Amino acid sequence: MGIDWGDAPAWAAFGISIISAGISAGSVIYARSSARSTEVAAKAAVRQAAAAEEQTTIARRTLELAEQQVPASAGSAFMQQIEKVLTQETPPYVAWWIDHSSKNTYILRNIGTGTARDVEIDQSRIRCVVRGTTKADEVAPHASVEILLIPMWGAPKPNELWVRWDGHPEWQAVQVP
């Protein structure tokens, strides 16, 4: 009893299994690369928001120093313009990140500096079973909403969740890890 080198179906099955293994390995590499890219982008957004806050702080300190050094009559128009710019309301900065908590549990987290109000996840774009919160009245900075995505009956887990909130009426895609 030895190897039957002429068994074509066995060789075909062997070839298909080798190709499948290669495709699977490529998919894993691509998924890891995509996850790293998303993480880098989210961290950059947080750094950008922090830099904007720091610039505002520097501008306020500059205004305080200028008020101490410039007589009120000499630069009052200039000082009024600076004060007007610094006291304007800036819209809150909201950014989203999704963490994979457990098998089917995902955490949608506000990683921005502003509070998101009337948050909504578009269920019409999700084909798998969805459990948990898809609407929230308010998600504060660093707060989160838990959602269960259960791929059943052939429906795949989504690649992204589409989110919108008050002040951002267009749907924004957030990558699901």
N, C-alpha and C. Protein backbone atom coordinates (compact mmCIF):
# COMPACT_ATOMS: atom_id res chain seq x y z
N MET A 1 0.84 -1.16 0.00
CA MET A 1 0.00 0.00 0.00
C MET A 1 0.89 1.23 0.00
N GLY A 2 0.81 2.03 -1.02
CA GLY A 2 1.65 3.22 -1.15
C GLY A 2 0.85 4.37 -1.72
N ILE A 3 1.55 5.37 -2.15
CA ILE A 3 0.91 6.55 -2.73
C ILE A 3 0.56 6.25 -4.17
N ASP A 4 -0.69 6.53 -4.51
CA ASP A 4 -1.12 6.37 -5.90
C ASP A 4 -0.89 7.70 -6.60
N TRP A 5 0.21 7.81 -7.32
CA TRP A 5 0.60 9.06 -7.96
C TRP A 5 -0.33 9.43 -9.11
N GLY A 6 -1.18 8.58 -9.51
CA GLY A 6 -2.10 8.86 -10.60
C GLY A 6 -3.49 9.26 -10.14
N ASP A 7 -3.69 9.47 -8.84
CA ASP A 7 -5.00 9.82 -8.29
C ASP A 7 -5.26 11.34 -8.48
N ALA A 8 -5.86 11.68 -9.62
CA ALA A 8 -6.07 13.09 -9.99
C ALA A 8 -6.96 13.84 -9.00
N PRO A 9 -8.08 13.28 -8.53
CA PRO A 9 -8.91 14.03 -7.58
C PRO A 9 -8.15 14.38 -6.28
N ALA A 10 -7.30 13.48 -5.81
CA ALA A 10 -6.52 13.76 -4.60
C ALA A 10 -5.56 14.90 -4.84
N TRP A 11 -4.90 14.92 -6.00
CA TRP A 11 -3.96 16.00 -6.33
C TRP A 11 -4.71 17.33 -6.48
N ALA A 12 -5.89 17.29 -7.08
CA ALA A 12 -6.69 18.51 -7.23
C ALA A 12 -7.09 19.06 -5.85
N ALA A 13 -7.52 18.17 -4.95
CA ALA A 13 -7.89 18.59 -3.59
C ALA A 13 -6.69 19.17 -2.87
N PHE A 14 -5.53 18.54 -3.03
CA PHE A 14 -4.30 19.04 -2.41
C PHE A 14 -3.97 20.44 -2.93
N GLY A 15 -4.08 20.65 -4.23
CA GLY A 15 -3.79 21.95 -4.83
C GLY A 15 -4.75 23.03 -4.34
N ILE A 16 -6.02 22.67 -4.26
CA ILE A 16 -7.03 23.62 -3.78
C ILE A 16 -6.76 23.99 -2.33
N SER A 17 -6.37 23.04 -1.50
CA SER A 17 -6.09 23.33 -0.09
C SER A 17 -4.87 24.24 0.07
N ILE A 18 -3.86 24.07 -0.79
CA ILE A 18 -2.68 24.94 -0.74
C ILE A 18 -3.08 26.37 -1.13
N ILE A 19 -3.88 26.52 -2.18
CA ILE A 19 -4.34 27.84 -2.62
C ILE A 19 -5.19 28.50 -1.53
N SER A 20 -6.07 27.72 -0.91
CA SER A 20 -6.93 28.24 0.17
C SER A 20 -6.09 28.74 1.34
N ALA A 21 -5.07 27.99 1.69
CA ALA A 21 -4.19 28.41 2.79
C ALA A 21 -3.48 29.72 2.45
N GLY A 22 -3.05 29.87 1.22
CA GLY A 22 -2.40 31.11 0.79
C GLY A 22 -3.34 32.30 0.84
N ILE A 23 -4.57 32.10 0.38
CA ILE A 23 -5.57 33.17 0.41
C ILE A 23 -5.88 33.56 1.85
N SER A 24 -6.02 32.58 2.73
CA SER A 24 -6.30 32.85 4.15
C SER A 24 -5.17 33.65 4.79
N ALA A 25 -3.95 33.27 4.50
CA ALA A 25 -2.79 33.99 5.06
C ALA A 25 -2.77 35.44 4.55
N GLY A 26 -3.07 35.63 3.28
CA GLY A 26 -3.12 36.98 2.73
C GLY A 26 -4.21 37.81 3.37
N SER A 27 -5.37 37.20 3.65
CA SER A 27 -6.46 37.92 4.30
C SER A 27 -6.09 38.36 5.70
N VAL A 28 -5.41 37.51 6.44
CA VAL A 28 -4.98 37.86 7.79
C VAL A 28 -4.01 39.03 7.75
N ILE A 29 -3.06 38.99 6.83
CA ILE A 29 -2.08 40.07 6.71
C ILE A 29 -2.79 41.39 6.36
N TYR A 30 -3.72 41.34 5.41
CA TYR A 30 -4.45 42.54 5.02
C TYR A 30 -5.29 43.08 6.17
N ALA A 31 -5.96 42.23 6.92
CA ALA A 31 -6.80 42.66 8.04
C ALA A 31 -5.95 43.34 9.11
N ARG A 32 -4.80 42.77 9.43
CA ARG A 32 -3.91 43.39 10.43
C ARG A 32 -3.42 44.75 9.96
N SER A 33 -3.05 44.85 8.71
CA SER A 33 -2.58 46.12 8.15
C SER A 33 -3.68 47.17 8.20
N SER A 34 -4.88 46.78 7.86
CA SER A 34 -6.02 47.70 7.88
C SER A 34 -6.31 48.17 9.30
N ALA A 35 -6.26 47.26 10.26
CA ALA A 35 -6.50 47.63 11.66
C ALA A 35 -5.44 48.60 12.15
N ARG A 36 -4.17 48.36 11.79
CA ARG A 36 -3.10 49.27 12.19
C ARG A 36 -3.31 50.66 11.60
N SER A 37 -3.71 50.72 10.34
CA SER A 37 -3.94 52.01 9.67
C SER A 37 -5.06 52.78 10.35
N THR A 38 -6.12 52.09 10.70
CA THR A 38 -7.25 52.74 11.37
C THR A 38 -6.83 53.26 12.73
N GLU A 39 -6.06 52.50 13.46
CA GLU A 39 -5.59 52.92 14.78
C GLU A 39 -4.70 54.16 14.66
N VAL A 40 -3.83 54.18 13.68
CA VAL A 40 -2.95 55.34 13.46
C VAL A 40 -3.79 56.57 13.15
N ALA A 41 -4.81 56.43 12.31
CA ALA A 41 -5.67 57.56 11.95
C ALA A 41 -6.42 58.09 13.16
N ALA A 42 -6.92 57.19 14.00
CA ALA A 42 -7.67 57.62 15.19
C ALA A 42 -6.74 58.35 16.17
N LYS A 43 -5.54 57.84 16.35
CA LYS A 43 -4.59 58.50 17.25
C LYS A 43 -4.20 59.87 16.71
N ALA A 44 -4.06 59.99 15.40
CA ALA A 44 -3.73 61.27 14.79
C ALA A 44 -4.86 62.28 15.01
N ALA A 45 -6.10 61.82 14.92
CA ALA A 45 -7.25 62.71 15.14
C ALA A 45 -7.26 63.23 16.57
N VAL A 46 -6.96 62.36 17.53
CA VAL A 46 -6.91 62.77 18.93
C VAL A 46 -5.78 63.78 19.14
N ARG A 47 -4.61 63.52 18.53
CA ARG A 47 -3.48 64.46 18.65
C ARG A 47 -3.84 65.81 18.03
N GLN A 48 -4.56 65.80 16.91
CA GLN A 48 -4.96 67.04 16.26
C GLN A 48 -5.90 67.84 17.16
N ALA A 49 -6.83 67.18 17.81
CA ALA A 49 -7.75 67.87 18.72
C ALA A 49 -6.99 68.46 19.91
N ALA A 50 -6.03 67.71 20.44
CA ALA A 50 -5.23 68.21 21.56
C ALA A 50 -4.40 69.42 21.13
N ALA A 51 -3.85 69.38 19.92
CA ALA A 51 -3.07 70.52 19.42
C ALA A 51 -3.94 71.76 19.27
N ALA A 52 -5.17 71.59 18.81
CA ALA A 52 -6.09 72.72 18.67
C ALA A 52 -6.40 73.34 20.04
N GLU A 53 -6.60 72.49 21.05
CA GLU A 53 -6.85 72.99 22.40
C GLU A 53 -5.62 73.75 22.92
N GLU A 54 -4.43 73.22 22.65
CA GLU A 54 -3.20 73.87 23.09
C GLU A 54 -3.03 75.23 22.41
N GLN A 55 -3.37 75.32 21.12
CA GLN A 55 -3.28 76.60 20.42
C GLN A 55 -4.22 77.63 21.02
N THR A 56 -5.41 77.21 21.41
CA THR A 56 -6.35 78.12 22.05
C THR A 56 -5.80 78.61 23.38
N THR A 57 -5.21 77.71 24.15
CA THR A 57 -4.60 78.09 25.43
C THR A 57 -3.48 79.10 25.22
N ILE A 58 -2.63 78.87 24.24
CA ILE A 58 -1.53 79.79 23.95
C ILE A 58 -2.07 81.16 23.53
N ALA A 59 -3.12 81.17 22.71
CA ALA A 59 -3.71 82.43 22.27
C ALA A 59 -4.29 83.20 23.46
N ARG A 60 -4.94 82.49 24.38
CA ARG A 60 -5.50 83.15 25.57
C ARG A 60 -4.37 83.75 26.43
N ARG A 61 -3.29 83.02 26.60
CA ARG A 61 -2.17 83.53 27.39
C ARG A 61 -1.53 84.74 26.71
N THR A 62 -1.44 84.69 25.39
CA THR A 62 -0.90 85.83 24.64
C THR A 62 -1.77 87.06 24.84
N LEU A 63 -3.07 86.87 24.80
CA LEU A 63 -4.00 87.97 25.02
C LEU A 63 -3.81 88.56 26.42
N GLU A 64 -3.68 87.72 27.42
CA GLU A 64 -3.48 88.20 28.78
C GLU A 64 -2.20 89.03 28.89
N LEU A 65 -1.11 88.54 28.30
CA LEU A 65 0.15 89.28 28.32
C LEU A 65 0.03 90.60 27.57
N ALA A 66 -0.64 90.59 26.43
CA ALA A 66 -0.79 91.82 25.65
C ALA A 66 -1.61 92.84 26.41
N GLU A 67 -2.64 92.40 27.11
CA GLU A 67 -3.46 93.33 27.90
C GLU A 67 -2.64 93.97 29.01
N GLN A 68 -1.68 93.23 29.58
CA GLN A 68 -0.84 93.76 30.64
C GLN A 68 0.18 94.76 30.11
N GLN A 69 0.66 94.57 28.88
CA GLN A 69 1.75 95.38 28.35
C GLN A 69 1.29 96.54 27.49
N VAL A 70 0.15 96.45 26.82
CA VAL A 70 -0.32 97.51 25.92
C VAL A 70 -1.34 98.36 26.66
N PRO A 71 -1.15 99.69 26.66
CA PRO A 71 -2.16 100.55 27.28
C PRO A 71 -3.51 100.34 26.59
N ALA A 72 -4.58 100.48 27.34
CA ALA A 72 -5.92 100.21 26.81
C ALA A 72 -6.25 101.08 25.61
N SER A 73 -5.81 102.34 25.61
CA SER A 73 -6.14 103.25 24.50
C SER A 73 -5.34 102.93 23.24
N ALA A 74 -4.10 102.42 23.38
CA ALA A 74 -3.22 102.22 22.23
C ALA A 74 -3.68 101.09 21.33
N GLY A 75 -4.11 100.01 21.87
CA GLY A 75 -4.43 98.86 21.03
C GLY A 75 -5.82 98.31 21.29
N SER A 76 -6.74 99.16 21.68
CA SER A 76 -8.05 98.65 22.08
C SER A 76 -8.80 97.97 20.93
N ALA A 77 -8.72 98.52 19.72
CA ALA A 77 -9.42 97.89 18.59
C ALA A 77 -8.82 96.52 18.29
N PHE A 78 -7.49 96.46 18.31
CA PHE A 78 -6.79 95.18 18.09
C PHE A 78 -7.16 94.18 19.17
N MET A 79 -7.14 94.63 20.41
CA MET A 79 -7.44 93.74 21.54
C MET A 79 -8.90 93.26 21.46
N GLN A 80 -9.80 94.12 21.03
CA GLN A 80 -11.20 93.71 20.90
C GLN A 80 -11.36 92.63 19.83
N GLN A 81 -10.61 92.75 18.75
CA GLN A 81 -10.67 91.74 17.69
C GLN A 81 -10.14 90.40 18.21
N ILE A 82 -9.03 90.43 18.91
CA ILE A 82 -8.45 89.19 19.46
C ILE A 82 -9.43 88.56 20.45
N GLU A 83 -9.98 89.36 21.32
CA GLU A 83 -10.91 88.83 22.31
C GLU A 83 -12.16 88.25 21.65
N LYS A 84 -12.62 88.89 20.59
CA LYS A 84 -13.79 88.41 19.86
C LYS A 84 -13.51 87.01 19.27
N VAL A 85 -12.34 86.84 18.68
CA VAL A 85 -11.97 85.55 18.08
C VAL A 85 -11.86 84.46 19.16
N LEU A 86 -11.25 84.82 20.29
CA LEU A 86 -11.04 83.82 21.35
C LEU A 86 -12.31 83.43 22.07
N THR A 87 -13.30 84.29 22.10
CA THR A 87 -14.53 83.96 22.83
C THR A 87 -15.59 83.32 21.95
N GLN A 88 -15.32 83.17 20.66
CA GLN A 88 -16.29 82.51 19.79
C GLN A 88 -16.41 81.04 20.17
N GLU A 89 -17.62 80.54 20.07
CA GLU A 89 -17.87 79.12 20.33
C GLU A 89 -17.28 78.28 19.20
N THR A 90 -16.53 77.27 19.54
CA THR A 90 -16.04 76.34 18.53
C THR A 90 -16.87 75.07 18.62
N PRO A 91 -17.22 74.49 17.48
CA PRO A 91 -18.04 73.28 17.54
C PRO A 91 -17.26 72.15 18.20
N PRO A 92 -17.96 71.29 18.92
CA PRO A 92 -17.27 70.17 19.56
C PRO A 92 -16.67 69.23 18.52
N TYR A 93 -15.56 68.67 18.85
CA TYR A 93 -14.88 67.73 17.98
C TYR A 93 -15.27 66.32 18.42
N VAL A 94 -15.95 65.60 17.55
CA VAL A 94 -16.38 64.23 17.85
C VAL A 94 -15.67 63.28 16.88
N ALA A 95 -15.07 62.25 17.41
CA ALA A 95 -14.42 61.22 16.60
C ALA A 95 -14.80 59.86 17.19
N TRP A 96 -14.89 58.86 16.33
CA TRP A 96 -15.38 57.55 16.76
C TRP A 96 -14.31 56.48 16.58
N TRP A 97 -14.36 55.47 17.46
CA TRP A 97 -13.47 54.32 17.40
C TRP A 97 -14.29 53.13 17.88
N ILE A 98 -14.10 51.96 17.24
CA ILE A 98 -14.82 50.76 17.66
C ILE A 98 -13.80 49.76 18.20
N ASP A 99 -14.07 49.27 19.42
CA ASP A 99 -13.25 48.23 20.05
C ASP A 99 -14.02 46.91 19.98
N HIS A 100 -13.29 45.83 19.79
CA HIS A 100 -13.88 44.49 19.81
C HIS A 100 -13.73 43.97 21.23
N SER A 101 -14.82 43.95 21.98
CA SER A 101 -14.78 43.61 23.39
C SER A 101 -14.75 42.10 23.63
N SER A 102 -15.63 41.37 22.96
CA SER A 102 -15.65 39.90 23.07
C SER A 102 -16.17 39.35 21.75
N LYS A 103 -16.56 38.08 21.74
CA LYS A 103 -16.90 37.41 20.49
C LYS A 103 -17.81 38.25 19.58
N ASN A 104 -18.96 38.67 20.07
CA ASN A 104 -19.92 39.43 19.26
C ASN A 104 -20.16 40.84 19.80
N THR A 105 -19.44 41.24 20.83
CA THR A 105 -19.66 42.53 21.47
C THR A 105 -18.65 43.56 20.98
N TYR A 106 -19.17 44.70 20.56
CA TYR A 106 -18.34 45.80 20.07
C TYR A 106 -18.69 47.06 20.85
N ILE A 107 -17.70 47.91 21.05
CA ILE A 107 -17.87 49.15 21.80
C ILE A 107 -17.63 50.33 20.86
N LEU A 108 -18.66 51.15 20.65
CA LEU A 108 -18.52 52.37 19.86
C LEU A 108 -18.16 53.48 20.85
N ARG A 109 -16.94 54.03 20.73
CA ARG A 109 -16.43 54.99 21.70
C ARG A 109 -16.20 56.36 21.05
N ASN A 110 -16.60 57.41 21.74
CA ASN A 110 -16.34 58.79 21.32
C ASN A 110 -14.93 59.14 21.80
N ILE A 111 -13.97 59.21 20.88
CA ILE A 111 -12.59 59.52 21.26
C ILE A 111 -12.29 61.00 21.05
N GLY A 112 -13.31 61.80 20.75
CA GLY A 112 -13.13 63.22 20.54
C GLY A 112 -13.16 64.01 21.83
N THR A 113 -13.23 65.33 21.70
CA THR A 113 -13.24 66.21 22.86
C THR A 113 -14.62 66.80 23.14
N GLY A 114 -15.57 66.58 22.23
CA GLY A 114 -16.91 67.12 22.41
C GLY A 114 -17.93 66.03 22.64
N THR A 115 -19.06 66.41 23.20
CA THR A 115 -20.15 65.47 23.45
C THR A 115 -21.00 65.33 22.19
N ALA A 116 -21.28 64.10 21.79
CA ALA A 116 -22.15 63.83 20.64
C ALA A 116 -23.57 63.62 21.16
N ARG A 117 -24.52 64.34 20.57
CA ARG A 117 -25.91 64.22 20.99
C ARG A 117 -26.74 63.61 19.86
N ASP A 118 -27.81 62.93 20.24
CA ASP A 118 -28.70 62.26 19.29
C ASP A 118 -27.91 61.36 18.34
N VAL A 119 -27.12 60.48 18.91
CA VAL A 119 -26.27 59.56 18.13
C VAL A 119 -27.13 58.43 17.59
N GLU A 120 -26.88 58.06 16.34
CA GLU A 120 -27.68 57.03 15.69
C GLU A 120 -26.77 56.16 14.82
N ILE A 121 -26.97 54.85 14.89
CA ILE A 121 -26.26 53.89 14.04
C ILE A 121 -27.25 53.40 12.99
N ASP A 122 -26.85 53.44 11.73
CA ASP A 122 -27.73 53.05 10.62
C ASP A 122 -27.87 51.53 10.56
N GLN A 123 -29.01 51.02 11.03
CA GLN A 123 -29.25 49.58 11.03
C GLN A 123 -29.54 49.04 9.64
N SER A 124 -29.97 49.89 8.73
CA SER A 124 -30.32 49.41 7.39
C SER A 124 -29.09 48.92 6.62
N ARG A 125 -27.90 49.31 7.03
CA ARG A 125 -26.67 48.89 6.35
C ARG A 125 -26.03 47.67 7.02
N ILE A 126 -26.67 47.16 8.05
CA ILE A 126 -26.14 46.00 8.77
C ILE A 126 -27.01 44.80 8.43
N ARG A 127 -26.39 43.75 7.87
CA ARG A 127 -27.18 42.58 7.45
C ARG A 127 -27.25 41.51 8.52
N CYS A 128 -26.36 41.52 9.51
CA CYS A 128 -26.40 40.49 10.55
C CYS A 128 -27.36 40.93 11.67
N VAL A 129 -27.54 40.05 12.65
CA VAL A 129 -28.42 40.35 13.78
C VAL A 129 -27.75 41.41 14.65
N VAL A 130 -28.53 42.43 15.04
CA VAL A 130 -28.01 43.53 15.85
C VAL A 130 -28.77 43.56 17.17
N ARG A 131 -28.03 43.60 18.25
CA ARG A 131 -28.62 43.74 19.59
C ARG A 131 -27.88 44.87 20.30
N GLY A 132 -28.55 45.49 21.25
CA GLY A 132 -27.91 46.57 21.99
C GLY A 132 -28.38 47.92 21.49
N THR A 133 -27.68 48.95 21.88
CA THR A 133 -28.08 50.32 21.60
C THR A 133 -27.66 50.74 20.20
N THR A 134 -28.61 51.19 19.40
CA THR A 134 -28.28 51.78 18.10
C THR A 134 -28.65 53.27 18.09
N LYS A 135 -29.18 53.77 19.20
CA LYS A 135 -29.47 55.19 19.37
C LYS A 135 -29.10 55.59 20.79
N ALA A 136 -28.51 56.77 20.92
CA ALA A 136 -28.15 57.27 22.24
C ALA A 136 -28.42 58.77 22.27
N ASP A 137 -28.98 59.23 23.39
CA ASP A 137 -29.26 60.66 23.52
C ASP A 137 -27.96 61.46 23.59
N GLU A 138 -26.95 60.88 24.26
CA GLU A 138 -25.70 61.62 24.45
C GLU A 138 -24.55 60.64 24.68
N VAL A 139 -23.42 60.91 24.02
CA VAL A 139 -22.19 60.14 24.25
C VAL A 139 -21.08 61.16 24.51
N ALA A 140 -20.68 61.25 25.77
CA ALA A 140 -19.67 62.22 26.19
C ALA A 140 -18.29 61.79 25.69
N PRO A 141 -17.30 62.71 25.73
CA PRO A 141 -15.94 62.31 25.34
C PRO A 141 -15.47 61.12 26.18
N HIS A 142 -14.90 60.14 25.53
CA HIS A 142 -14.37 58.91 26.13
C HIS A 142 -15.46 57.98 26.65
N ALA A 143 -16.73 58.33 26.44
CA ALA A 143 -17.82 57.43 26.82
C ALA A 143 -18.09 56.49 25.64
N SER A 144 -18.92 55.46 25.88
CA SER A 144 -19.12 54.47 24.83
C SER A 144 -20.54 53.92 24.84
N VAL A 145 -20.85 53.21 23.74
CA VAL A 145 -22.12 52.52 23.58
C VAL A 145 -21.79 51.09 23.17
N GLU A 146 -22.45 50.12 23.78
CA GLU A 146 -22.19 48.71 23.46
C GLU A 146 -23.21 48.22 22.43
N ILE A 147 -22.70 47.44 21.47
CA ILE A 147 -23.57 46.88 20.44
C ILE A 147 -23.13 45.45 20.16
N LEU A 148 -24.10 44.57 19.94
CA LEU A 148 -23.81 43.18 19.61
C LEU A 148 -24.08 42.97 18.12
N LEU A 149 -23.09 42.43 17.42
CA LEU A 149 -23.23 42.10 16.00
C LEU A 149 -23.07 40.59 15.88
N ILE A 150 -24.16 39.92 15.55
CA ILE A 150 -24.16 38.46 15.55
C ILE A 150 -24.34 37.96 14.13
N PRO A 151 -23.25 37.51 13.49
CA PRO A 151 -23.37 37.00 12.12
C PRO A 151 -24.04 35.63 12.13
N MET A 152 -25.30 35.57 11.68
CA MET A 152 -26.06 34.32 11.67
C MET A 152 -26.72 34.16 10.31
N TRP A 153 -27.06 32.94 9.98
CA TRP A 153 -27.80 32.59 8.78
C TRP A 153 -27.13 33.15 7.52
N GLY A 154 -25.82 33.10 7.49
CA GLY A 154 -25.08 33.51 6.30
C GLY A 154 -24.85 35.00 6.16
N ALA A 155 -25.36 35.81 7.08
CA ALA A 155 -25.15 37.26 7.01
C ALA A 155 -23.81 37.58 7.68
N PRO A 156 -22.92 38.25 6.98
CA PRO A 156 -21.60 38.54 7.55
C PRO A 156 -21.63 39.72 8.51
N LYS A 157 -20.61 39.77 9.36
CA LYS A 157 -20.41 40.92 10.23
C LYS A 157 -20.06 42.11 9.33
N PRO A 158 -20.56 43.32 9.61
CA PRO A 158 -20.26 44.46 8.73
C PRO A 158 -18.80 44.89 8.85
N ASN A 159 -18.28 45.50 7.80
CA ASN A 159 -16.92 46.04 7.81
C ASN A 159 -16.86 47.39 8.50
N GLU A 160 -18.01 48.10 8.52
CA GLU A 160 -18.08 49.38 9.18
C GLU A 160 -19.49 49.62 9.69
N LEU A 161 -19.59 50.48 10.69
CA LEU A 161 -20.88 50.96 11.16
C LEU A 161 -21.01 52.41 10.69
N TRP A 162 -22.21 52.79 10.30
CA TRP A 162 -22.45 54.15 9.82
C TRP A 162 -23.13 54.91 10.94
N VAL A 163 -22.51 56.01 11.36
CA VAL A 163 -22.95 56.77 12.53
C VAL A 163 -23.22 58.22 12.12
N ARG A 164 -24.25 58.82 12.72
CA ARG A 164 -24.48 60.25 12.58
C ARG A 164 -24.96 60.78 13.92
N TRP A 165 -24.82 62.10 14.10
CA TRP A 165 -25.19 62.72 15.35
C TRP A 165 -25.57 64.17 15.09
N ASP A 166 -26.13 64.82 16.08
CA ASP A 166 -26.55 66.21 15.96
C ASP A 166 -25.33 67.08 15.63
N GLY A 167 -25.44 67.88 14.59
CA GLY A 167 -24.32 68.70 14.15
C GLY A 167 -23.51 68.04 13.05
N HIS A 168 -23.77 66.78 12.78
CA HIS A 168 -23.09 66.04 11.70
C HIS A 168 -24.15 65.17 11.03
N PRO A 169 -24.99 65.75 10.17
CA PRO A 169 -26.14 65.03 9.63
C PRO A 169 -25.80 63.93 8.62
N GLU A 170 -24.61 63.98 8.02
CA GLU A 170 -24.23 62.93 7.07
C GLU A 170 -23.72 61.71 7.85
N TRP A 171 -23.98 60.54 7.30
CA TRP A 171 -23.50 59.30 7.90
C TRP A 171 -21.99 59.24 7.77
N GLN A 172 -21.32 58.82 8.83
CA GLN A 172 -19.87 58.66 8.82
C GLN A 172 -19.55 57.19 9.08
N ALA A 173 -18.69 56.62 8.24
CA ALA A 173 -18.30 55.21 8.39
C ALA A 173 -17.24 55.08 9.47
N VAL A 174 -17.43 54.10 10.36
CA VAL A 174 -16.44 53.79 11.41
C VAL A 174 -16.09 52.32 11.24
N GLN A 175 -14.83 52.03 11.03
CA GLN A 175 -14.39 50.66 10.73
C GLN A 175 -14.60 49.72 11.93
N VAL A 176 -15.16 48.54 11.64
CA VAL A 176 -15.35 47.50 12.65
C VAL A 176 -14.13 46.59 12.60
N PRO A 177 -13.45 46.39 13.74
CA PRO A 177 -12.25 45.53 13.73
C PRO A 177 -12.59 44.06 13.53
